Amino acid sequence: MIAAEKDSQKIAIEIKSFVGKSSIDDLEKALGQYILYYDLLARFQPEITLYLAIHQEAYVDVFEDPIGQVLLENKRLKLLVLDEIQEVILKWIV
């Protein structure tokens, strides 16, 4: 996990590679960790907003699929989509 500041907001970023045996398996693991960290931060450091960071290919594979769309529509997940080669954030999804 990486801590940072965006404007005056404190954020924590959990970076996931999505290189496991399947993208759904990777999603399940990432969401489990995200929920754990989210709940701990909410209790002990509520001023910090948690984001899950994934590379662009994982975003296309998972979040442009109906399963991923449900997660985004429910606003349960804050997501950063990264371009690994250019090392830039392509999307902030809140």
N, C-alpha and C. Protein backbone atom coordinates (compact mmCIF):
# COMPACT_ATOMS: atom_id res chain seq x y z
N MET A 1 0.84 -1.17 0.00
CA MET A 1 0.00 0.00 0.00
C MET A 1 0.88 1.23 0.00
N ILE A 2 0.46 2.24 -0.73
CA ILE A 2 1.20 3.50 -0.85
C ILE A 2 0.32 4.61 -0.30
N ALA A 3 0.90 5.50 0.48
CA ALA A 3 0.18 6.67 0.97
C ALA A 3 0.62 7.88 0.15
N ALA A 4 -0.35 8.77 -0.12
CA ALA A 4 -0.06 9.95 -0.92
C ALA A 4 -1.08 11.03 -0.61
N GLU A 5 -0.88 12.19 -1.20
CA GLU A 5 -1.86 13.27 -1.10
C GLU A 5 -2.24 13.73 -2.48
N LYS A 6 -3.54 13.90 -2.69
CA LYS A 6 -4.07 14.45 -3.94
C LYS A 6 -4.78 15.74 -3.54
N ASP A 7 -4.26 16.86 -4.02
CA ASP A 7 -4.70 18.17 -3.56
C ASP A 7 -4.48 18.20 -2.05
N SER A 8 -5.52 18.42 -1.25
CA SER A 8 -5.34 18.40 0.21
C SER A 8 -5.89 17.12 0.82
N GLN A 9 -6.29 16.17 -0.03
CA GLN A 9 -6.87 14.92 0.44
C GLN A 9 -5.79 13.86 0.61
N LYS A 10 -5.85 13.14 1.73
CA LYS A 10 -4.93 12.03 1.98
C LYS A 10 -5.53 10.77 1.38
N ILE A 11 -4.69 10.03 0.66
CA ILE A 11 -5.17 8.80 0.04
C ILE A 11 -4.20 7.65 0.31
N ALA A 12 -4.72 6.46 0.26
CA ALA A 12 -3.92 5.24 0.30
C ALA A 12 -4.25 4.47 -0.97
N ILE A 13 -3.23 3.90 -1.58
CA ILE A 13 -3.42 3.19 -2.84
C ILE A 13 -2.92 1.76 -2.69
N GLU A 14 -3.81 0.83 -2.93
CA GLU A 14 -3.46 -0.59 -2.94
C GLU A 14 -3.30 -0.98 -4.41
N ILE A 15 -2.11 -1.41 -4.80
CA ILE A 15 -1.80 -1.72 -6.20
C ILE A 15 -1.90 -3.23 -6.40
N LYS A 16 -2.65 -3.62 -7.42
CA LYS A 16 -2.81 -5.04 -7.75
C LYS A 16 -2.42 -5.26 -9.20
N SER A 17 -1.74 -6.39 -9.45
CA SER A 17 -1.21 -6.66 -10.79
C SER A 17 -2.16 -7.45 -11.68
N PHE A 18 -3.07 -8.24 -11.12
CA PHE A 18 -4.00 -9.06 -11.90
C PHE A 18 -3.24 -9.95 -12.89
N VAL A 19 -2.31 -10.74 -12.37
CA VAL A 19 -1.55 -11.66 -13.21
C VAL A 19 -1.72 -13.12 -12.79
N GLY A 20 -2.77 -13.39 -12.01
CA GLY A 20 -3.02 -14.74 -11.52
C GLY A 20 -3.64 -15.64 -12.57
N LYS A 21 -4.18 -16.76 -12.10
CA LYS A 21 -4.74 -17.76 -13.02
C LYS A 21 -5.98 -17.29 -13.74
N SER A 22 -6.75 -16.36 -13.14
CA SER A 22 -7.90 -15.78 -13.85
C SER A 22 -8.17 -14.38 -13.30
N SER A 23 -8.76 -13.55 -14.13
CA SER A 23 -9.03 -12.18 -13.70
C SER A 23 -10.09 -12.15 -12.60
N ILE A 24 -11.04 -13.08 -12.61
CA ILE A 24 -12.06 -13.13 -11.57
C ILE A 24 -11.43 -13.54 -10.23
N ASP A 25 -10.52 -14.51 -10.27
CA ASP A 25 -9.81 -14.90 -9.04
C ASP A 25 -9.01 -13.72 -8.49
N ASP A 26 -8.33 -13.00 -9.37
CA ASP A 26 -7.57 -11.82 -8.95
C ASP A 26 -8.51 -10.76 -8.37
N LEU A 27 -9.67 -10.59 -8.99
CA LEU A 27 -10.65 -9.61 -8.51
C LEU A 27 -11.14 -9.98 -7.11
N GLU A 28 -11.44 -11.26 -6.90
CA GLU A 28 -11.90 -11.70 -5.59
C GLU A 28 -10.86 -11.40 -4.51
N LYS A 29 -9.62 -11.69 -4.79
CA LYS A 29 -8.55 -11.43 -3.82
C LYS A 29 -8.36 -9.93 -3.60
N ALA A 30 -8.37 -9.17 -4.67
CA ALA A 30 -8.18 -7.73 -4.56
C ALA A 30 -9.32 -7.09 -3.76
N LEU A 31 -10.55 -7.52 -4.02
CA LEU A 31 -11.69 -6.97 -3.29
C LEU A 31 -11.64 -7.33 -1.81
N GLY A 32 -11.22 -8.55 -1.51
CA GLY A 32 -11.08 -8.95 -0.11
C GLY A 32 -10.10 -8.06 0.63
N GLN A 33 -8.95 -7.83 0.02
CA GLN A 33 -7.95 -6.95 0.65
C GLN A 33 -8.47 -5.52 0.73
N TYR A 34 -9.12 -5.05 -0.33
CA TYR A 34 -9.64 -3.69 -0.37
C TYR A 34 -10.63 -3.48 0.78
N ILE A 35 -11.55 -4.42 0.98
CA ILE A 35 -12.54 -4.30 2.05
C ILE A 35 -11.87 -4.30 3.41
N LEU A 36 -10.90 -5.17 3.61
CA LEU A 36 -10.17 -5.22 4.87
C LEU A 36 -9.50 -3.87 5.16
N TYR A 37 -8.73 -3.37 4.18
CA TYR A 37 -8.04 -2.09 4.37
C TYR A 37 -9.02 -0.94 4.53
N TYR A 38 -10.11 -0.96 3.76
CA TYR A 38 -11.13 0.08 3.83
C TYR A 38 -11.70 0.17 5.25
N ASP A 39 -12.08 -0.98 5.79
CA ASP A 39 -12.67 -1.00 7.12
C ASP A 39 -11.68 -0.56 8.19
N LEU A 40 -10.42 -0.99 8.08
CA LEU A 40 -9.41 -0.57 9.05
C LEU A 40 -9.13 0.93 8.97
N LEU A 41 -9.02 1.44 7.76
CA LEU A 41 -8.80 2.88 7.61
C LEU A 41 -10.01 3.67 8.12
N ALA A 42 -11.21 3.21 7.83
CA ALA A 42 -12.41 3.90 8.28
C ALA A 42 -12.44 3.99 9.81
N ARG A 43 -11.95 2.97 10.47
CA ARG A 43 -11.97 2.94 11.93
C ARG A 43 -10.84 3.77 12.53
N PHE A 44 -9.62 3.61 11.99
CA PHE A 44 -8.45 4.18 12.65
C PHE A 44 -7.89 5.44 11.99
N GLN A 45 -8.15 5.62 10.70
CA GLN A 45 -7.68 6.82 9.99
C GLN A 45 -8.73 7.26 8.98
N PRO A 46 -9.88 7.72 9.46
CA PRO A 46 -11.00 8.03 8.55
C PRO A 46 -10.73 9.18 7.58
N GLU A 47 -9.70 9.93 7.81
CA GLU A 47 -9.37 11.03 6.89
C GLU A 47 -8.70 10.54 5.61
N ILE A 48 -8.34 9.26 5.56
CA ILE A 48 -7.65 8.69 4.38
C ILE A 48 -8.66 7.96 3.50
N THR A 49 -8.63 8.27 2.21
CA THR A 49 -9.48 7.60 1.22
C THR A 49 -8.67 6.52 0.53
N LEU A 50 -9.25 5.34 0.43
CA LEU A 50 -8.57 4.19 -0.17
C LEU A 50 -8.95 4.02 -1.64
N TYR A 51 -7.94 3.76 -2.47
CA TYR A 51 -8.14 3.46 -3.89
C TYR A 51 -7.48 2.12 -4.22
N LEU A 52 -8.07 1.40 -5.14
CA LEU A 52 -7.46 0.21 -5.71
C LEU A 52 -6.87 0.62 -7.05
N ALA A 53 -5.59 0.34 -7.27
CA ALA A 53 -4.92 0.69 -8.52
C ALA A 53 -4.66 -0.58 -9.33
N ILE A 54 -5.04 -0.53 -10.61
CA ILE A 54 -4.82 -1.66 -11.52
C ILE A 54 -4.34 -1.13 -12.85
N HIS A 55 -3.70 -2.00 -13.63
CA HIS A 55 -3.24 -1.56 -14.94
C HIS A 55 -4.40 -1.56 -15.93
N GLN A 56 -4.21 -0.88 -17.03
CA GLN A 56 -5.27 -0.66 -18.02
C GLN A 56 -5.84 -1.97 -18.57
N GLU A 57 -4.99 -2.96 -18.81
CA GLU A 57 -5.48 -4.23 -19.36
C GLU A 57 -6.42 -4.93 -18.38
N ALA A 58 -6.11 -4.88 -17.09
CA ALA A 58 -6.98 -5.47 -16.08
C ALA A 58 -8.31 -4.72 -16.03
N TYR A 59 -8.25 -3.41 -16.17
CA TYR A 59 -9.49 -2.62 -16.19
C TYR A 59 -10.39 -3.08 -17.35
N VAL A 60 -9.81 -3.21 -18.52
CA VAL A 60 -10.60 -3.64 -19.69
C VAL A 60 -11.14 -5.05 -19.48
N ASP A 61 -10.30 -5.96 -18.99
CA ASP A 61 -10.72 -7.35 -18.77
C ASP A 61 -11.81 -7.49 -17.73
N VAL A 62 -11.72 -6.72 -16.66
CA VAL A 62 -12.62 -6.91 -15.52
C VAL A 62 -13.73 -5.88 -15.47
N PHE A 63 -13.40 -4.60 -15.57
CA PHE A 63 -14.38 -3.57 -15.28
C PHE A 63 -15.17 -3.09 -16.49
N GLU A 64 -14.81 -3.54 -17.67
CA GLU A 64 -15.66 -3.28 -18.83
C GLU A 64 -16.57 -4.48 -19.08
N ASP A 65 -16.46 -5.48 -18.23
CA ASP A 65 -17.31 -6.67 -18.23
C ASP A 65 -18.51 -6.38 -17.32
N PRO A 66 -19.65 -7.05 -17.52
CA PRO A 66 -20.81 -6.79 -16.66
C PRO A 66 -20.54 -6.94 -15.16
N ILE A 67 -19.72 -7.89 -14.76
CA ILE A 67 -19.41 -8.06 -13.33
C ILE A 67 -18.73 -6.81 -12.79
N GLY A 68 -17.75 -6.34 -13.49
CA GLY A 68 -17.04 -5.14 -13.06
C GLY A 68 -17.91 -3.91 -13.10
N GLN A 69 -18.80 -3.82 -14.08
CA GLN A 69 -19.71 -2.68 -14.17
C GLN A 69 -20.62 -2.59 -12.95
N VAL A 70 -21.06 -3.74 -12.46
CA VAL A 70 -21.89 -3.75 -11.24
C VAL A 70 -21.12 -3.15 -10.08
N LEU A 71 -19.86 -3.53 -9.91
CA LEU A 71 -19.05 -2.99 -8.82
C LEU A 71 -18.90 -1.48 -8.94
N LEU A 72 -18.67 -0.99 -10.15
CA LEU A 72 -18.49 0.45 -10.35
C LEU A 72 -19.81 1.20 -10.16
N GLU A 73 -20.90 0.64 -10.64
CA GLU A 73 -22.21 1.29 -10.50
C GLU A 73 -22.62 1.39 -9.04
N ASN A 74 -22.26 0.42 -8.22
CA ASN A 74 -22.62 0.43 -6.81
C ASN A 74 -21.76 1.38 -5.99
N LYS A 75 -20.74 1.95 -6.60
CA LYS A 75 -19.86 2.93 -5.94
C LYS A 75 -19.21 2.38 -4.67
N ARG A 76 -18.96 1.08 -4.66
CA ARG A 76 -18.33 0.46 -3.49
C ARG A 76 -16.81 0.51 -3.59
N LEU A 77 -16.31 0.87 -4.75
CA LEU A 77 -14.89 0.75 -5.03
C LEU A 77 -14.38 2.03 -5.65
N LYS A 78 -13.29 2.55 -5.13
CA LYS A 78 -12.60 3.68 -5.76
C LYS A 78 -11.41 3.09 -6.50
N LEU A 79 -11.27 3.47 -7.76
CA LEU A 79 -10.35 2.78 -8.66
C LEU A 79 -9.44 3.77 -9.37
N LEU A 80 -8.15 3.39 -9.49
CA LEU A 80 -7.20 4.11 -10.33
C LEU A 80 -6.78 3.16 -11.44
N VAL A 81 -6.82 3.64 -12.67
CA VAL A 81 -6.38 2.85 -13.81
C VAL A 81 -5.04 3.42 -14.27
N LEU A 82 -4.03 2.55 -14.32
CA LEU A 82 -2.66 2.99 -14.59
C LEU A 82 -2.18 2.54 -15.97
N ASP A 83 -1.34 3.36 -16.58
CA ASP A 83 -0.58 2.96 -17.75
C ASP A 83 0.82 2.64 -17.22
N GLU A 84 1.15 1.35 -17.20
CA GLU A 84 2.42 0.92 -16.62
C GLU A 84 3.63 1.43 -17.39
N ILE A 85 3.50 1.52 -18.69
CA ILE A 85 4.64 1.92 -19.52
C ILE A 85 4.95 3.40 -19.33
N GLN A 86 3.92 4.24 -19.43
CA GLN A 86 4.13 5.67 -19.28
C GLN A 86 4.14 6.11 -17.82
N GLU A 87 3.76 5.18 -16.92
CA GLU A 87 3.71 5.46 -15.49
C GLU A 87 2.85 6.67 -15.16
N VAL A 88 1.61 6.63 -15.68
CA VAL A 88 0.64 7.71 -15.42
C VAL A 88 -0.70 7.10 -15.05
N ILE A 89 -1.50 7.90 -14.35
CA ILE A 89 -2.86 7.51 -14.03
C ILE A 89 -3.75 7.92 -15.19
N LEU A 90 -4.47 6.95 -15.74
CA LEU A 90 -5.36 7.21 -16.86
C LEU A 90 -6.76 7.61 -16.43
N LYS A 91 -7.24 7.00 -15.33
CA LYS A 91 -8.58 7.28 -14.85
C LYS A 91 -8.60 7.26 -13.32
N TRP A 92 -9.36 8.19 -12.76
CA TRP A 92 -9.74 8.18 -11.35
C TRP A 92 -11.22 7.86 -11.35
N ILE A 93 -11.62 6.74 -10.79
CA ILE A 93 -13.03 6.37 -10.75
C ILE A 93 -13.45 6.35 -9.29
N VAL A 94 -14.34 7.27 -8.93
CA VAL A 94 -14.78 7.40 -7.54
C VAL A 94 -16.29 7.21 -7.41
